[in-house]
Protein backbone atom coordinates (compact mmCIF):
# COMPACT_ATOMS: atom_id res chain seq x y z
CA MET A 1 0.00 0.00 0.00
CA GLY A 2 1.44 3.35 -1.05
CA SER A 3 1.58 6.48 1.03
CA LEU A 4 -1.09 8.11 -1.16
CA GLU A 5 -3.48 5.25 -0.38
CA LYS A 6 -2.80 5.57 3.34
CA LEU A 7 -3.40 9.30 3.19
CA LYS A 8 -6.65 8.80 1.25
CA ARG A 9 -7.84 6.31 3.85
CA LYS A 10 -6.96 8.73 6.66
CA LEU A 11 -8.90 11.53 4.98
CA ALA A 12 -11.92 9.34 4.23
CA VAL A 13 -12.18 7.75 7.68
CA ASN A 14 -12.65 11.03 9.52
CA PRO A 15 -12.92 14.09 7.25
CA ARG A 16 -13.73 16.35 10.21
CA SER A 17 -10.29 15.96 11.78
CA VAL A 18 -7.91 16.64 8.89
CA ARG A 19 -5.12 19.14 9.33
CA PHE A 20 -4.11 21.63 6.65
CA SER A 21 -0.66 20.04 6.32
CA ASP A 22 -2.26 16.68 5.42
CA LEU A 23 -4.37 18.29 2.68
CA VAL A 24 -1.33 20.09 1.28
CA ARG A 25 0.65 16.84 1.28
CA ALA A 26 -2.15 15.05 -0.58
CA LEU A 27 -2.38 17.81 -3.18
CA ARG A 28 1.39 17.84 -3.70
CA ASP A 29 1.39 14.05 -4.11
CA LEU A 30 -1.26 14.55 -6.80
CA GLY A 31 1.03 16.94 -8.68
CA TYR A 32 -0.51 20.21 -7.50
CA ARG A 33 1.57 23.20 -6.50
CA GLU A 34 0.62 26.26 -4.53
CA VAL A 35 0.43 29.25 -6.85
CA ARG A 36 -1.05 31.86 -4.55
CA ALA A 37 -1.86 32.45 -0.91
CA GLN A 38 -3.84 35.44 0.21
CA GLY A 39 -4.59 35.39 3.91
CA SER A 40 -5.99 31.98 4.76
CA HIS A 41 -6.96 31.15 1.16
CA HIS A 42 -4.44 28.97 -0.69
CA VAL A 43 -4.81 28.22 -4.40
CA PHE A 44 -3.27 25.07 -5.88
CA ARG A 45 -2.93 24.24 -9.58
CA PRO A 46 -2.02 20.92 -11.17
CA GLY A 47 1.10 20.50 -13.25
CA GLY A 48 -1.04 19.51 -16.25
CA PRO A 49 -4.70 19.81 -17.12
CA GLY A 50 -7.18 19.72 -14.28
CA PRO A 51 -9.14 21.91 -11.92
CA SER A 52 -7.57 24.44 -9.59
CA MET A 53 -8.19 23.91 -5.88
CA LEU A 54 -8.93 26.56 -3.29
CA VAL A 55 -8.21 25.36 0.23
CA VAL A 56 -8.93 27.54 3.25
CA ARG A 57 -6.38 27.26 6.04
CA PRO A 58 -8.12 26.90 9.42
CA HIS A 59 -8.09 30.09 11.46
CA GLY A 60 -9.96 31.78 14.27
CA GLY A 61 -9.33 29.05 16.81
CA GLN A 62 -10.11 26.19 14.42
CA THR A 63 -7.68 23.31 14.22
CA PHE A 64 -9.04 21.27 11.32
CA CYS A 65 -9.90 21.99 7.69
CA SER A 66 -13.39 22.38 6.32
CA VAL A 67 -15.10 19.10 5.45
CA VAL A 68 -15.93 20.52 2.01
CA ASP A 69 -12.24 21.03 1.24
CA VAL A 70 -11.42 17.52 2.47
CA LYS A 71 -14.14 15.97 0.30
CA LYS A 72 -12.81 17.81 -2.78
CA VAL A 73 -9.35 16.35 -2.19
CA ILE A 74 -10.80 12.86 -1.59
CA ALA A 75 -12.64 13.14 -4.94
CA LEU A 76 -9.34 14.05 -6.66
CA LEU A 77 -7.60 11.09 -5.00
CA GLU A 78 -10.34 8.71 -6.16
CA GLU A 79 -10.22 10.15 -9.67
CA LYS A 80 -6.45 9.60 -9.82
CA GLU A 81 -6.89 6.06 -8.48
CA ASN A 82 -9.45 5.31 -11.21
CA ASP A 83 -7.16 6.76 -13.90
CA ASP A 84 -4.26 4.63 -12.65
CA GLU A 85 -6.39 1.46 -12.84
CA GLU A 86 -7.29 2.06 -16.50
């Protein structure tokens, strides 16, 4: 089992307790790079074709990322997994 699979499992098991660093690691493993950060909003773009991702860094006493952001990254991980199988 690769590290990307372990990370996907960690995100999927409990999407409410995912730290920003874990989301960034997953996006970087998928080939995304951070192109802009303005305040707590970080924009990631893939190296090739694909959608840009906006991830909001937790702030204001929050420790974990938004569930919506986590689910977007999980969807990208599943899409990559399906592409790899074909």
